[in-house]
Amino acid sequence: MFVASILVVGVSGGAESRARTKAAGVSAIEARPNDGSGYWPDFSNTGYANTPANAGGLGLGAYPGGLTDYASSMSADKPLTLDYPDNSVISFTHFFAGKVYIYGDNLTFVGCLFEGTDPNDNLVQIYSDSNIKFLYSTFKPNSYSMPPGNDGTVSSSHSKPGTPFDKSWQLSTTMKEAVAVMDHNDIWGNAGMEMVTGFPGRPSTWTNNYIHDMTDTSHDVYHHDGIGPQSEGDGGPMIVDHNTLASLGNTNALALQGGGVYDHISFTNNYVSGWGYAVHIGDVDNATNITVTGNIFSAELEQLYGFLYGNIWGGSARGSTWRGNLIQARSGDDNHTYSAADNGRYLWPTDAVSHTTDYTG
């Protein structure tokens, strides 16, 4: 089948340098997603409709105002199998299916829409050997144009259940050893993004994504994970920088849930709110070279347990750094562990209280 929006070029792997547009005079601690400032990833600056010209340095135009259907016969009741030549760039294409199978290596999807309904299964299943990129793309259930309970003024719905289970999709998954680069994507109505954490010299990279509004949050059918789950351990390297990770849910925004050693994980400059334990980096104290800096841990959304799973933190003895992580708390927030008096104070990895000085261990 001929698809007009395929361009075959060489696409380099690894993280790309990207300029961030931030409103003048607004700081991380002052801003929230969808508050009109554009500071954090939100509906205003992620997903296919917000694709700018030259996204990813590929020379493409900006979002043209509409998408090309991959096939006229697409349906939520049928799978789609995509088999692209290696090094293809696929832009501004709509994929609608119960499940999308992707074949081909070093593929880049720009300004695309993946939508469908396959509860307890993958929306996107990736068979790539080394690399896959998704830039300014949207992953969502087809039954809704907006997440239930989110009117575009909050980071994520403050009320349960969000997308019902039977209207949901569960995961996007790398089935081989492809390392993902995820940038400026809008992802919701699901229960996780189960992708390879990376290999030496080939980090998994998550930048500027809006991951929010997990599905079926009144029930425990799903683990509600943002990035992950990764349950085996022995993962990394991984770069997670300047994302919005906000949702009600029972598990983790960063879901590195295994007992093996996680190494060279960088979690920086993110907006984090809700979840169970929001950040989970290993089940035991054996992680090495972990960097957690400059994050805003917001009390906006209800949280079940705490911001760091088990207060597990090896610290400088394991080559790890925790610095400049602030609590954001306002009157009326749903995480009642914190009040407006905690706003702008430091969060330490060793307890759940706010501090007037930064952590130094």
Protein backbone atom coordinates (compact mmCIF):
# COMPACT_ATOMS: atom_id res chain seq x y z
CA MET A 1 0.00 0.00 0.00
CA PHE A 2 1.32 3.44 -0.88
CA VAL A 3 1.47 5.93 1.98
CA ALA A 4 2.25 9.44 0.87
CA SER A 5 3.86 10.51 4.13
CA ILE A 6 6.93 8.24 4.15
CA LEU A 7 10.37 9.76 3.80
CA VAL A 8 13.46 7.53 3.89
CA VAL A 9 16.48 9.23 5.40
CA GLY A 10 19.28 8.47 7.84
CA VAL A 11 18.15 9.20 11.38
CA SER A 12 20.79 9.42 14.08
CA GLY A 13 20.15 7.76 17.44
CA GLY A 14 20.54 9.26 20.91
CA ALA A 15 19.16 12.37 22.52
CA GLU A 16 18.73 15.55 20.53
CA SER A 17 19.21 19.07 21.83
CA ARG A 18 15.90 20.90 21.88
CA ALA A 19 14.95 24.45 22.78
CA ARG A 20 12.21 24.83 25.36
CA THR A 21 9.75 27.67 25.11
CA LYS A 22 9.04 29.04 28.56
CA ALA A 23 6.87 31.98 29.44
CA ALA A 24 8.85 34.97 30.62
CA GLY A 25 8.93 35.30 34.38
CA VAL A 26 7.48 31.85 35.14
CA SER A 27 9.56 29.38 37.10
CA ALA A 28 9.16 25.64 37.54
CA ILE A 29 7.77 25.96 41.05
CA GLU A 30 5.17 28.51 39.93
CA ALA A 31 3.89 26.70 36.85
CA ARG A 32 1.54 23.77 36.33
CA PRO A 33 0.58 21.91 33.17
CA ASN A 34 -2.34 23.47 31.27
CA ASP A 35 -2.16 26.72 33.24
CA GLY A 36 -1.53 28.73 30.06
CA SER A 37 2.17 29.32 30.72
CA GLY A 38 3.42 26.54 28.44
CA TYR A 39 6.23 25.85 30.89
CA TRP A 40 5.45 22.15 31.32
CA PRO A 41 4.51 19.63 28.64
CA ASP A 42 0.73 19.73 28.28
CA PHE A 43 -2.06 19.95 25.69
CA SER A 44 -0.58 23.16 24.27
CA ASN A 45 2.82 21.86 23.19
CA THR A 46 2.73 18.06 22.73
CA GLY A 47 1.05 15.65 20.34
CA TYR A 48 0.52 15.69 16.59
CA ALA A 49 -1.43 18.95 16.37
CA ASN A 50 1.45 20.89 17.93
CA THR A 51 4.19 19.61 15.63
CA PRO A 52 6.41 22.55 14.62
CA ALA A 53 8.37 22.89 11.43
CA ASN A 54 11.62 20.93 11.38
CA ALA A 55 10.66 18.72 14.34
CA GLY A 56 13.61 16.52 15.23
CA GLY A 57 15.76 18.42 12.71
CA LEU A 58 14.22 16.40 9.87
CA GLY A 59 13.25 19.29 7.61
CA LEU A 60 9.53 18.52 7.66
CA GLY A 61 6.86 21.20 7.72
CA ALA A 62 4.64 21.96 10.68
CA TYR A 63 1.37 20.09 11.29
CA PRO A 64 -0.59 20.65 8.08
CA GLY A 65 -4.00 20.84 9.77
CA GLY A 66 -5.00 17.23 9.16
CA LEU A 67 -3.67 13.68 9.08
CA THR A 68 -3.55 11.09 6.33
CA ASP A 69 -5.33 7.83 7.18
CA TYR A 70 -2.96 4.91 6.84
CA ALA A 71 -5.82 2.87 5.37
CA SER A 72 -9.46 3.60 4.59
CA SER A 73 -10.60 0.35 6.19
CA MET A 74 -9.07 0.92 9.62
CA SER A 75 -11.15 -0.22 12.59
CA ALA A 76 -10.78 -0.73 16.33
CA ASP A 77 -11.83 -4.33 15.68
CA LYS A 78 -8.87 -5.10 13.42
CA PRO A 79 -5.07 -5.01 13.82
CA LEU A 80 -2.74 -3.05 11.58
CA THR A 81 0.64 -4.37 10.49
CA LEU A 82 3.13 -1.71 9.44
CA ASP A 83 6.27 -2.88 7.64
CA TYR A 84 8.50 0.05 6.72
CA PRO A 85 11.95 0.13 5.15
CA ASP A 86 14.72 0.71 7.68
CA ASN A 87 15.47 4.40 8.34
CA SER A 88 12.01 5.58 7.26
CA VAL A 89 10.43 8.74 8.59
CA ILE A 90 6.64 8.50 8.77
CA SER A 91 4.85 11.80 9.28
CA PHE A 92 1.33 13.10 9.92
CA THR A 93 -0.36 9.70 9.63
CA HIS A 94 -3.39 8.37 11.48
CA PHE A 95 -3.25 4.77 12.72
CA PHE A 96 -6.52 3.36 14.08
CA ALA A 97 -6.63 -0.27 15.21
CA GLY A 98 -7.09 -2.71 18.03
CA LYS A 99 -3.33 -3.19 17.87
CA VAL A 100 -0.62 -1.69 15.66
CA TYR A 101 2.34 -3.95 14.83
CA ILE A 102 5.43 -2.03 13.71
CA TYR A 103 8.25 -3.70 11.73
CA GLY A 104 11.42 -2.00 10.50
CA ASP A 105 14.48 -0.59 12.25
CA ASN A 106 15.52 2.97 13.00
CA LEU A 107 12.06 4.29 12.23
CA THR A 108 10.90 7.78 13.16
CA PHE A 109 7.23 8.72 13.56
CA VAL A 110 6.56 12.46 13.52
CA GLY A 111 3.18 14.09 14.19
CA CYS A 112 1.28 10.81 14.10
CA LEU A 113 -1.87 9.63 15.90
CA PHE A 114 -2.16 6.12 17.31
CA GLU A 115 -5.60 5.36 18.68
CA GLY A 116 -7.65 2.30 19.44
CA THR A 117 -9.10 0.10 22.13
CA ASP A 118 -7.51 -3.16 23.26
CA PRO A 119 -7.98 -3.55 27.03
CA ASN A 120 -5.25 -5.50 28.78
CA ASP A 121 -3.07 -5.52 25.64
CA ASN A 122 -0.78 -3.36 23.52
CA LEU A 123 -1.95 -0.49 21.35
CA VAL A 124 1.50 -0.38 19.70
CA GLN A 125 3.77 -3.44 19.51
CA ILE A 126 7.26 -2.67 18.16
CA TYR A 127 9.53 -5.16 16.36
CA SER A 128 12.64 -3.07 15.78
CA ASP A 129 16.19 -4.29 16.31
CA SER A 130 17.98 -1.19 17.55
CA ASN A 131 16.11 2.14 17.47
CA ILE A 132 12.63 3.67 17.28
CA LYS A 133 11.57 7.32 17.61
CA PHE A 134 8.21 8.93 18.28
CA LEU A 135 8.17 12.73 18.06
CA TYR A 136 5.12 14.95 18.60
CA SER A 137 2.78 11.97 18.36
CA THR A 138 -0.40 11.13 20.25
CA PHE A 139 -1.35 7.80 21.81
CA LYS A 140 -4.97 7.64 23.00
CA PRO A 141 -8.18 5.59 23.16
CA ASN A 142 -10.40 6.19 20.15
CA SER A 143 -13.58 6.64 22.20
CA TYR A 144 -12.63 10.07 23.54
CA SER A 145 -11.15 13.26 22.17
CA MET A 146 -10.22 14.43 25.69
CA PRO A 147 -9.54 12.40 28.82
CA PRO A 148 -12.68 11.98 30.94
CA GLY A 149 -12.47 14.41 33.84
CA ASN A 150 -9.76 16.58 32.30
CA ASP A 151 -11.13 19.76 30.76
CA GLY A 152 -7.70 21.06 29.81
CA THR A 153 -7.15 23.21 32.91
CA VAL A 154 -5.51 20.57 35.13
CA SER A 155 -2.51 18.30 34.62
CA SER A 156 -4.72 15.20 34.84
CA SER A 157 -8.21 14.34 35.99
CA HIS A 158 -8.70 14.77 39.72
CA SER A 159 -11.59 12.30 39.68
CA LYS A 160 -11.88 8.57 39.06
CA PRO A 161 -12.12 6.41 36.98
CA GLY A 162 -10.89 8.31 33.91
CA THR A 163 -11.18 6.20 30.75
CA PRO A 164 -13.20 3.05 31.58
CA PHE A 165 -11.41 -0.28 31.27
CA ASP A 166 -13.41 -1.45 28.26
CA LYS A 167 -12.53 1.74 26.36
CA SER A 168 -8.83 1.59 27.21
CA TRP A 169 -5.53 0.32 25.89
CA GLN A 170 -2.84 -0.99 28.20
CA LEU A 171 0.69 -0.57 26.83
CA SER A 172 3.03 0.33 24.02
CA THR A 173 5.82 -2.24 24.04
CA THR A 174 9.20 -2.87 22.43
CA MET A 175 9.29 -6.59 21.64
CA LYS A 176 12.98 -6.70 20.64
CA GLU A 177 15.99 -4.60 21.68
CA ALA A 178 15.01 -1.30 20.11
CA VAL A 179 15.83 1.69 22.29
CA ALA A 180 13.15 4.37 22.15
CA VAL A 181 13.49 8.11 21.78
CA MET A 182 10.23 9.69 22.94
CA ASP A 183 9.87 13.46 22.58
CA HIS A 184 6.88 15.83 22.84
CA ASN A 185 4.32 13.00 22.79
CA ASP A 186 0.84 13.15 24.33
CA ILE A 187 0.02 9.80 25.97
CA TRP A 188 -3.13 8.93 27.91
CA GLY A 189 -5.99 6.49 28.48
CA ASN A 190 -3.60 3.60 29.12
CA ALA A 191 -1.67 1.88 31.91
CA GLY A 192 2.00 2.14 30.94
CA MET A 193 4.73 2.39 28.29
CA GLU A 194 6.75 -0.82 28.51
CA MET A 195 9.91 -0.04 26.57
CA VAL A 196 13.57 -1.04 26.79
CA THR A 197 15.46 1.09 29.33
CA GLY A 198 18.62 1.28 27.21
CA PHE A 199 22.07 -0.19 26.70
CA PRO A 200 25.57 1.25 27.19
CA GLY A 201 25.99 4.02 24.65
CA ARG A 202 22.30 3.83 23.63
CA PRO A 203 20.14 5.37 26.36
CA SER A 204 16.39 5.26 26.32
CA THR A 205 15.37 8.92 26.09
CA TRP A 206 12.13 10.53 27.29
CA THR A 207 11.95 14.30 26.90
CA ASN A 208 9.12 16.83 26.91
CA ASN A 209 6.34 14.22 26.98
CA TYR A 210 2.88 14.68 28.48
CA ILE A 211 1.98 11.38 30.18
CA HIS A 212 -1.28 11.70 32.07
CA ASP A 213 -4.80 10.46 32.79
CA MET A 214 -4.23 6.75 33.29
CA THR A 215 -7.23 4.53 32.67
CA ASP A 216 -9.67 2.78 35.04
CA THR A 217 -8.21 4.40 38.15
CA SER A 218 -11.08 3.24 40.40
CA HIS A 219 -9.93 -0.36 40.08
CA ASP A 220 -6.80 -2.48 40.39
CA VAL A 221 -7.08 -4.43 37.14
CA TYR A 222 -4.10 -2.47 35.83
CA HIS A 223 -0.87 -1.32 37.31
CA HIS A 224 -1.03 2.39 36.51
CA ASP A 225 2.47 3.23 35.30
CA GLY A 226 3.76 6.17 33.28
CA ILE A 227 7.18 5.21 31.94
CA GLY A 228 7.37 1.46 32.43
CA PRO A 229 6.73 -0.99 33.90
CA GLN A 230 10.20 -2.47 33.76
CA SER A 231 10.09 -5.39 36.17
CA GLU A 232 13.30 -7.31 35.59
CA GLY A 233 15.89 -4.83 36.79
CA ASP A 234 19.36 -4.62 35.23
CA GLY A 235 18.21 -1.59 33.23
CA GLY A 236 19.79 1.57 31.94
CA PRO A 237 21.12 3.91 30.80
CA MET A 238 17.99 6.05 30.65
CA ILE A 239 17.33 9.79 30.33
CA VAL A 240 14.01 11.16 31.59
CA ASP A 241 14.04 14.96 31.33
CA HIS A 242 11.37 17.67 31.40
CA ASN A 243 8.25 15.54 31.19
CA THR A 244 4.86 15.92 32.79
CA LEU A 245 4.06 12.67 34.63
CA ALA A 246 0.72 13.25 36.29
CA SER A 247 -2.16 10.90 37.01
CA LEU A 248 -4.22 9.20 39.62
CA GLY A 249 -3.10 5.58 39.88
CA ASN A 250 -1.80 2.80 42.04
CA THR A 251 1.84 2.44 40.99
CA ASN A 252 4.54 4.65 39.48
CA ALA A 253 5.25 7.56 37.12
CA LEU A 254 8.71 6.05 36.64
CA ALA A 255 8.17 2.31 37.08
CA LEU A 256 11.55 0.58 37.40
CA GLN A 257 10.20 -2.15 39.62
CA GLY A 258 12.76 -4.97 39.46
CA GLY A 259 15.29 -6.36 41.90
CA GLY A 260 18.21 -6.22 39.46
CA VAL A 261 20.64 -3.32 39.28
CA TYR A 262 19.46 -0.13 37.59
CA ASP A 263 22.43 1.94 36.44
CA HIS A 264 22.87 5.42 34.94
CA ILE A 265 19.26 6.53 35.24
CA SER A 266 18.77 10.30 34.94
CA PHE A 267 15.45 11.73 36.15
CA THR A 268 15.62 15.51 35.86
CA ASN A 269 13.43 18.62 35.58
CA ASN A 270 10.10 16.75 35.54
CA TYR A 271 6.67 17.66 36.88
CA VAL A 272 5.42 14.70 38.96
CA SER A 273 2.05 14.41 40.66
CA GLY A 274 -0.24 11.61 41.84
CA TRP A 275 0.37 7.86 41.42
CA GLY A 276 1.02 5.37 44.24
CA TYR A 277 4.72 5.77 44.89
CA ALA A 278 5.49 8.23 42.12
CA VAL A 279 9.14 7.31 41.48
CA HIS A 280 10.33 3.71 41.77
CA ILE A 281 14.00 2.95 41.02
CA GLY A 282 14.48 -0.65 42.08
CA ASP A 283 13.00 -2.88 44.74
CA VAL A 284 16.21 -3.08 46.74
CA ASP A 285 19.06 -0.69 47.53
CA ASN A 286 21.43 -1.66 44.72
CA ALA A 287 20.92 1.03 42.04
CA THR A 288 24.04 2.89 40.89
CA ASN A 289 24.75 6.24 39.23
CA ILE A 290 21.22 7.58 39.62
CA THR A 291 20.63 11.31 39.10
CA VAL A 292 17.42 12.87 40.44
CA THR A 293 17.66 16.65 40.17
CA GLY A 294 15.51 19.72 39.55
CA ASN A 295 12.14 17.96 39.72
CA ILE A 296 8.88 19.46 40.92
CA PHE A 297 6.96 16.99 43.07
CA SER A 298 3.48 18.49 43.09
CA ALA A 299 0.68 17.93 45.58
CA GLU A 300 -1.89 18.77 42.89
CA LEU A 301 -3.23 15.20 42.62
CA GLU A 302 -4.14 12.65 45.23
CA GLN A 303 -1.29 10.27 46.02
CA LEU A 304 -1.64 6.87 47.64
CA TYR A 305 1.72 6.45 49.37
CA GLY A 306 4.64 8.76 48.67
CA PHE A 307 7.01 10.27 46.11
CA LEU A 308 9.83 7.67 46.31
CA TYR A 309 9.22 3.94 46.65
CA GLY A 310 10.49 2.62 49.96
CA ASN A 311 12.67 5.72 50.49
CA ILE A 312 15.33 3.58 48.81
CA TRP A 313 18.31 5.76 48.02
CA GLY A 314 21.93 4.62 47.86
CA GLY A 315 23.29 8.16 47.69
CA SER A 316 26.81 9.29 46.90
CA ALA A 317 28.27 5.97 48.02
CA ARG A 318 26.67 4.43 44.93
CA GLY A 319 27.51 7.32 42.62
CA SER A 320 24.03 8.83 42.89
CA THR A 321 22.88 12.44 43.23
CA TRP A 322 19.64 13.88 44.65
CA ARG A 323 19.55 17.68 44.50
CA GLY A 324 17.15 20.55 43.96
CA ASN A 325 13.91 18.57 44.10
CA LEU A 326 11.09 20.81 45.33
CA ILE A 327 7.62 20.27 46.70
CA GLN A 328 4.88 22.29 45.03
CA ALA A 329 1.81 22.62 47.22
CA ARG A 330 -1.16 24.97 47.06
CA SER A 331 -4.30 25.44 49.06
CA GLY A 332 -6.94 22.98 47.85
CA ASP A 333 -4.51 20.40 46.46
CA ASP A 334 -5.61 16.80 46.71
CA ASN A 335 -2.42 15.38 48.23
CA HIS A 336 -3.14 16.28 51.84
CA THR A 337 0.29 15.21 53.09
CA TYR A 338 1.46 18.71 52.16
CA SER A 339 0.06 22.20 52.63
CA ALA A 340 0.85 25.60 51.18
CA ALA A 341 3.46 25.97 53.93
CA ASP A 342 5.51 23.26 52.21
CA ASN A 343 5.53 25.00 48.83
CA GLY A 344 9.04 25.58 47.50
CA ARG A 345 10.70 23.49 50.19
CA TYR A 346 13.00 20.59 49.43
CA LEU A 347 12.01 16.95 49.16
CA TRP A 348 14.54 14.47 50.49
CA PRO A 349 14.66 10.81 49.42
CA THR A 350 14.83 9.56 53.00
CA ASP A 351 11.47 10.75 54.33
CA ALA A 352 8.16 12.28 53.29
CA VAL A 353 8.45 15.68 54.95
CA SER A 354 9.58 18.99 53.50
CA HIS A 355 12.92 20.58 54.38
CA THR A 356 14.25 24.12 54.31
CA THR A 357 17.65 22.92 53.06
CA ASP A 358 18.62 20.66 50.17
CA TYR A 359 19.60 17.03 50.59
CA THR A 360 23.36 16.45 50.57
CA GLY A 361 23.73 12.66 51.03
